[in-house]
PDB file of N, CA and C in Angstrom:
ATOM      1  N   UNK A   1       0.815  -1.206   0.000  1.00  0.00           N
ATOM      2  CA  UNK A   1       0.000   0.000   0.000  1.00  0.00           C
ATOM      3  C   UNK A   1       0.860   1.272   0.000  1.00  0.00           C
ATOM      4  N   UNK A   2       1.980   1.313   0.727  1.00  0.00           N
ATOM      5  CA  UNK A   2       2.765   2.561   0.714  1.00  0.00           C
ATOM      6  C   UNK A   2       3.221   2.970  -0.691  1.00  0.00           C
ATOM      7  N   UNK A   3       3.613   2.000  -1.503  1.00  0.00           N
ATOM      8  CA  UNK A   3       4.086   2.318  -2.852  1.00  0.00           C
ATOM      9  C   UNK A   3       2.957   2.904  -3.707  1.00  0.00           C
ATOM     10  N   UNK A   4       1.779   2.311  -3.615  1.00  0.00           N
ATOM     11  CA  UNK A   4       0.630   2.806  -4.379  1.00  0.00           C
ATOM     12  C   UNK A   4       0.286   4.225  -3.943  1.00  0.00           C
ATOM     13  N   UNK A   5       0.297   4.459  -2.629  1.00  0.00           N
ATOM     14  CA  UNK A   5      -0.043   5.784  -2.114  1.00  0.00           C
ATOM     15  C   UNK A   5       0.989   6.812  -2.571  1.00  0.00           C
ATOM     16  N   UNK A   6       2.268   6.430  -2.548  1.00  0.00           N
ATOM     17  CA  UNK A   6       3.318   7.338  -3.002  1.00  0.00           C
ATOM     18  C   UNK A   6       3.157   7.647  -4.490  1.00  0.00           C
ATOM     19  N   UNK A   7       2.797   6.640  -5.281  1.00  0.00           N
ATOM     20  CA  UNK A   7       2.567   6.873  -6.710  1.00  0.00           C
ATOM     21  C   UNK A   7       1.409   7.851  -6.925  1.00  0.00           C
ATOM     22  N   UNK A   8       0.341   7.700  -6.142  1.00  0.00           N
ATOM     23  CA  UNK A   8      -0.790   8.628  -6.243  1.00  0.00           C
ATOM     24  C   UNK A   8      -0.359  10.035  -5.834  1.00  0.00           C
ATOM     25  N   UNK A   9       0.456  10.141  -4.788  1.00  0.00           N
ATOM     26  CA  UNK A   9       0.953  11.443  -4.337  1.00  0.00           C
ATOM     27  C   UNK A   9       1.776  12.112  -5.436  1.00  0.00           C
ATOM     28  N   UNK A  10       2.657  11.358  -6.047  1.00  0.00           N
ATOM     29  CA  UNK A  10       3.485  11.885  -7.130  1.00  0.00           C
ATOM     30  C   UNK A  10       2.616  12.378  -8.287  1.00  0.00           C
ATOM     31  N   UNK A  11       1.638  11.578  -8.655  1.00  0.00           N
ATOM     32  CA  UNK A  11       0.736  11.964  -9.746  1.00  0.00           C
ATOM     33  C   UNK A  11      -0.074  13.210  -9.372  1.00  0.00           C
ATOM     34  N   UNK A  12      -0.561  13.252  -8.145  1.00  0.00           N
ATOM     35  CA  UNK A  12      -1.351  14.397  -7.686  1.00  0.00           C
ATOM     36  C   UNK A  12      -0.544  15.684  -7.758  1.00  0.00           C
ATOM     37  N   UNK A  13       0.685  15.639  -7.306  1.00  0.00           N
ATOM     38  CA  UNK A  13       1.523  16.838  -7.348  1.00  0.00           C
ATOM     39  C   UNK A  13       1.810  17.265  -8.783  1.00  0.00           C
ATOM     40  N   UNK A  14       2.016  16.299  -9.659  1.00  0.00           N
ATOM     41  CA  UNK A  14       2.247  16.625 -11.069  1.00  0.00           C
ATOM     42  C   UNK A  14       1.012  17.305 -11.662  1.00  0.00           C
ATOM     43  N   UNK A  15      -0.168  16.754 -11.370  1.00  0.00           N
ATOM     44  CA  UNK A  15      -1.413  17.339 -11.880  1.00  0.00           C
ATOM     45  C   UNK A  15      -1.645  18.711 -11.265  1.00  0.00           C
ATOM     46  N   UNK A  16      -1.397  18.838  -9.965  1.00  0.00           N
ATOM     47  CA  UNK A  16      -1.637  20.102  -9.257  1.00  0.00           C
ATOM     48  C   UNK A  16      -0.728  21.214  -9.771  1.00  0.00           C
ATOM     49  N   UNK A  17       0.533  20.903 -10.008  1.00  0.00           N
ATOM     50  CA  UNK A  17       1.513  21.930 -10.361  1.00  0.00           C
ATOM     51  C   UNK A  17       1.606  22.166 -11.870  1.00  0.00           C
ATOM     52  N   UNK A  18       1.635  21.105 -12.649  1.00  0.00           N
ATOM     53  CA  UNK A  18       1.887  21.257 -14.084  1.00  0.00           C
ATOM     54  C   UNK A  18       0.630  21.353 -14.935  1.00  0.00           C
ATOM     55  N   UNK A  19      -0.331  20.492 -14.686  1.00  0.00           N
ATOM     56  CA  UNK A  19      -1.473  20.390 -15.590  1.00  0.00           C
ATOM     57  C   UNK A  19      -2.682  21.205 -15.153  1.00  0.00           C
ATOM     58  N   UNK A  20      -2.822  21.419 -13.862  1.00  0.00           N
ATOM     59  CA  UNK A  20      -3.952  22.189 -13.316  1.00  0.00           C
ATOM     60  C   UNK A  20      -5.306  21.636 -13.776  1.00  0.00           C
ATOM     61  N   UNK A  21      -5.425  20.313 -13.784  1.00  0.00           N
ATOM     62  CA  UNK A  21      -6.667  19.637 -14.177  1.00  0.00           C
ATOM     63  C   UNK A  21      -7.465  19.339 -12.910  1.00  0.00           C
ATOM     64  N   UNK A  22      -8.443  20.191 -12.602  1.00  0.00           N
ATOM     65  CA  UNK A  22      -9.187  20.082 -11.346  1.00  0.00           C
ATOM     66  C   UNK A  22      -9.969  18.783 -11.224  1.00  0.00           C
ATOM     67  N   UNK A  23     -10.552  18.307 -12.300  1.00  0.00           N
ATOM     68  CA  UNK A  23     -11.330  17.061 -12.233  1.00  0.00           C
ATOM     69  C   UNK A  23     -10.431  15.877 -11.918  1.00  0.00           C
ATOM     70  N   UNK A  24      -9.292  15.793 -12.581  1.00  0.00           N
ATOM     71  CA  UNK A  24      -8.365  14.692 -12.325  1.00  0.00           C
ATOM     72  C   UNK A  24      -7.782  14.802 -10.926  1.00  0.00           C
ATOM     73  N   UNK A  25      -7.452  16.009 -10.509  1.00  0.00           N
ATOM     74  CA  UNK A  25      -6.909  16.227  -9.172  1.00  0.00           C
ATOM     75  C   UNK A  25      -7.899  15.774  -8.106  1.00  0.00           C
ATOM     76  N   UNK A  26      -9.151  16.132  -8.258  1.00  0.00           N
ATOM     77  CA  UNK A  26     -10.177  15.726  -7.292  1.00  0.00           C
ATOM     78  C   UNK A  26     -10.325  14.208  -7.253  1.00  0.00           C
ATOM     79  N   UNK A  27     -10.288  13.578  -8.412  1.00  0.00           N
ATOM     80  CA  UNK A  27     -10.434  12.121  -8.472  1.00  0.00           C
ATOM     81  C   UNK A  27      -9.278  11.413  -7.773  1.00  0.00           C
ATOM     82  N   UNK A  28      -8.064  11.860  -8.020  1.00  0.00           N
ATOM     83  CA  UNK A  28      -6.902  11.226  -7.397  1.00  0.00           C
ATOM     84  C   UNK A  28      -6.894  11.490  -5.893  1.00  0.00           C
ATOM     85  N   UNK A  29      -7.265  12.688  -5.485  1.00  0.00           N
ATOM     86  CA  UNK A  29      -7.324  12.980  -4.048  1.00  0.00           C
ATOM     87  C   UNK A  29      -8.367  12.123  -3.339  1.00  0.00           C
ATOM     88  N   UNK A  30      -9.491  11.852  -3.993  1.00  0.00           N
ATOM     89  CA  UNK A  30     -10.493  10.955  -3.394  1.00  0.00           C
ATOM     90  C   UNK A  30      -9.907   9.563  -3.180  1.00  0.00           C
ATOM     91  N   UNK A  31      -9.164   9.063  -4.168  1.00  0.00           N
ATOM     92  CA  UNK A  31      -8.523   7.756  -4.030  1.00  0.00           C
ATOM     93  C   UNK A  31      -7.497   7.756  -2.901  1.00  0.00           C
ATOM     94  N   UNK A  32      -6.725   8.830  -2.805  1.00  0.00           N
ATOM     95  CA  UNK A  32      -5.723   8.932  -1.738  1.00  0.00           C
ATOM     96  C   UNK A  32      -6.392   8.901  -0.367  1.00  0.00           C
ATOM     97  N   UNK A  33      -7.481   9.642  -0.222  1.00  0.00           N
ATOM     98  CA  UNK A  33      -8.187   9.692   1.058  1.00  0.00           C
ATOM     99  C   UNK A  33      -8.770   8.332   1.407  1.00  0.00           C
ATOM    100  N   UNK A  34      -9.324   7.661   0.415  1.00  0.00           N
ATOM    101  CA  UNK A  34      -9.906   6.340   0.643  1.00  0.00           C
ATOM    102  C   UNK A  34      -8.825   5.319   1.013  1.00  0.00           C
ATOM    103  N   UNK A  35      -7.663   5.411   0.390  1.00  0.00           N
ATOM    104  CA  UNK A  35      -6.579   4.459   0.642  1.00  0.00           C
ATOM    105  C   UNK A  35      -5.964   4.635   2.022  1.00  0.00           C
ATOM    106  N   UNK A  36      -5.784   5.890   2.458  1.00  0.00           N
ATOM    107  CA  UNK A  36      -5.167   6.135   3.765  1.00  0.00           C
ATOM    108  C   UNK A  36      -5.537   7.546   4.218  1.00  0.00           C
ATOM    109  N   UNK A  37      -6.590   7.642   5.001  1.00  0.00           N
ATOM    110  CA  UNK A  37      -7.110   8.933   5.438  1.00  0.00           C
ATOM    111  C   UNK A  37      -6.142   9.749   6.265  1.00  0.00           C
ATOM    112  N   UNK A  38      -5.373   9.096   7.143  1.00  0.00           N
ATOM    113  CA  UNK A  38      -4.448   9.858   7.992  1.00  0.00           C
ATOM    114  C   UNK A  38      -3.290  10.432   7.179  1.00  0.00           C
ATOM    115  N   UNK A  39      -2.785   9.673   6.210  1.00  0.00           N
ATOM    116  CA  UNK A  39      -1.732  10.202   5.339  1.00  0.00           C
ATOM    117  C   UNK A  39      -2.280  11.336   4.476  1.00  0.00           C
ATOM    118  N   UNK A  40      -3.520  11.200   4.045  1.00  0.00           N
ATOM    119  CA  UNK A  40      -4.148  12.244   3.245  1.00  0.00           C
ATOM    120  C   UNK A  40      -4.266  13.537   4.050  1.00  0.00           C
ATOM    121  N   UNK A  41      -4.651  13.427   5.326  1.00  0.00           N
ATOM    122  CA  UNK A  41      -4.731  14.608   6.193  1.00  0.00           C
ATOM    123  C   UNK A  41      -3.369  15.277   6.332  1.00  0.00           C
ATOM    124  N   UNK A  42      -2.317  14.476   6.487  1.00  0.00           N
ATOM    125  CA  UNK A  42      -0.957  15.034   6.579  1.00  0.00           C
ATOM    126  C   UNK A  42      -0.575  15.747   5.285  1.00  0.00           C
ATOM    127  N   UNK A  43      -0.935  15.156   4.168  1.00  0.00           N
ATOM    128  CA  UNK A  43      -0.660  15.763   2.861  1.00  0.00           C
ATOM    129  C   UNK A  43      -1.338  17.124   2.747  1.00  0.00           C
ATOM    130  N   UNK A  44      -2.625  17.195   3.115  1.00  0.00           N
ATOM    131  CA  UNK A  44      -3.345  18.467   3.020  1.00  0.00           C
ATOM    132  C   UNK A  44      -2.758  19.518   3.959  1.00  0.00           C
ATOM    133  N   UNK A  45      -2.358  19.104   5.151  1.00  0.00           N
ATOM    134  CA  UNK A  45      -1.730  20.047   6.081  1.00  0.00           C
ATOM    135  C   UNK A  45      -0.440  20.589   5.484  1.00  0.00           C
ATOM    136  N   UNK A  46       0.329  19.717   4.852  1.00  0.00           N
ATOM    137  CA  UNK A  46       1.621  20.104   4.282  1.00  0.00           C
ATOM    138  C   UNK A  46       1.463  21.116   3.144  1.00  0.00           C
ATOM    139  N   UNK A  47       0.439  20.939   2.305  1.00  0.00           N
ATOM    140  CA  UNK A  47       0.262  21.861   1.181  1.00  0.00           C
ATOM    141  C   UNK A  47      -0.605  23.054   1.542  1.00  0.00           C
ATOM    142  N   UNK A  48      -1.077  23.091   2.779  1.00  0.00           N
ATOM    143  CA  UNK A  48      -1.886  24.222   3.215  1.00  0.00           C
ATOM    144  C   UNK A  48      -3.339  24.115   2.826  1.00  0.00           C
ATOM    145  N   UNK A  49      -3.800  22.903   2.566  1.00  0.00           N
ATOM    146  CA  UNK A  49      -5.178  22.700   2.153  1.00  0.00           C
ATOM    147  C   UNK A  49      -6.165  22.613   3.293  1.00  0.00           C
ATOM    148  N   UNK A  50      -5.665  22.428   4.507  1.00  0.00           N
ATOM    149  CA  UNK A  50      -6.552  22.312   5.659  1.00  0.00           C
ATOM    150  C   UNK A  50      -5.711  22.529   6.913  1.00  0.00           C
ATOM    151  N   UNK A  51      -6.329  23.096   7.921  1.00  0.00           N
ATOM    152  CA  UNK A  51      -5.601  23.295   9.173  1.00  0.00           C
ATOM    153  C   UNK A  51      -5.435  21.952   9.871  1.00  0.00           C
ATOM    154  N   UNK A  52      -4.408  21.807  10.692  1.00  0.00           N
ATOM    155  CA  UNK A  52      -4.180  20.541  11.391  1.00  0.00           C
ATOM    156  C   UNK A  52      -5.401  20.132  12.211  1.00  0.00           C
ATOM    157  N   UNK A  53      -5.724  18.851  12.157  1.00  0.00           N
ATOM    158  CA  UNK A  53      -6.871  18.360  12.921  1.00  0.00           C
ATOM    159  C   UNK A  53      -6.445  18.015  14.340  1.00  0.00           C
ATOM    160  N   UNK A  54      -7.364  18.209  15.270  1.00  0.00           N
ATOM    161  CA  UNK A  54      -7.110  17.881  16.669  1.00  0.00           C
ATOM    162  C   UNK A  54      -7.729  16.525  16.930  1.00  0.00           C
ATOM    163  N   UNK A  55      -6.937  15.606  17.466  1.00  0.00           N
ATOM    164  CA  UNK A  55      -7.433  14.246  17.717  1.00  0.00           C
ATOM    165  C   UNK A  55      -7.418  13.935  19.168  1.00  0.00           C
TER     166      UNK A  55
END
């Protein structure tokens, strides 16, 4: 699972930075969240997409 998640992360960053394809970005982010929600939360915090969650 870590390798698949890393591949999705790499693809997401490429789409976010180079292609700016919002539909594809949303689709890949949904897959990332479904695959590993806690890693997805860390990713969003890192890029400034959401404030850190309190657990």
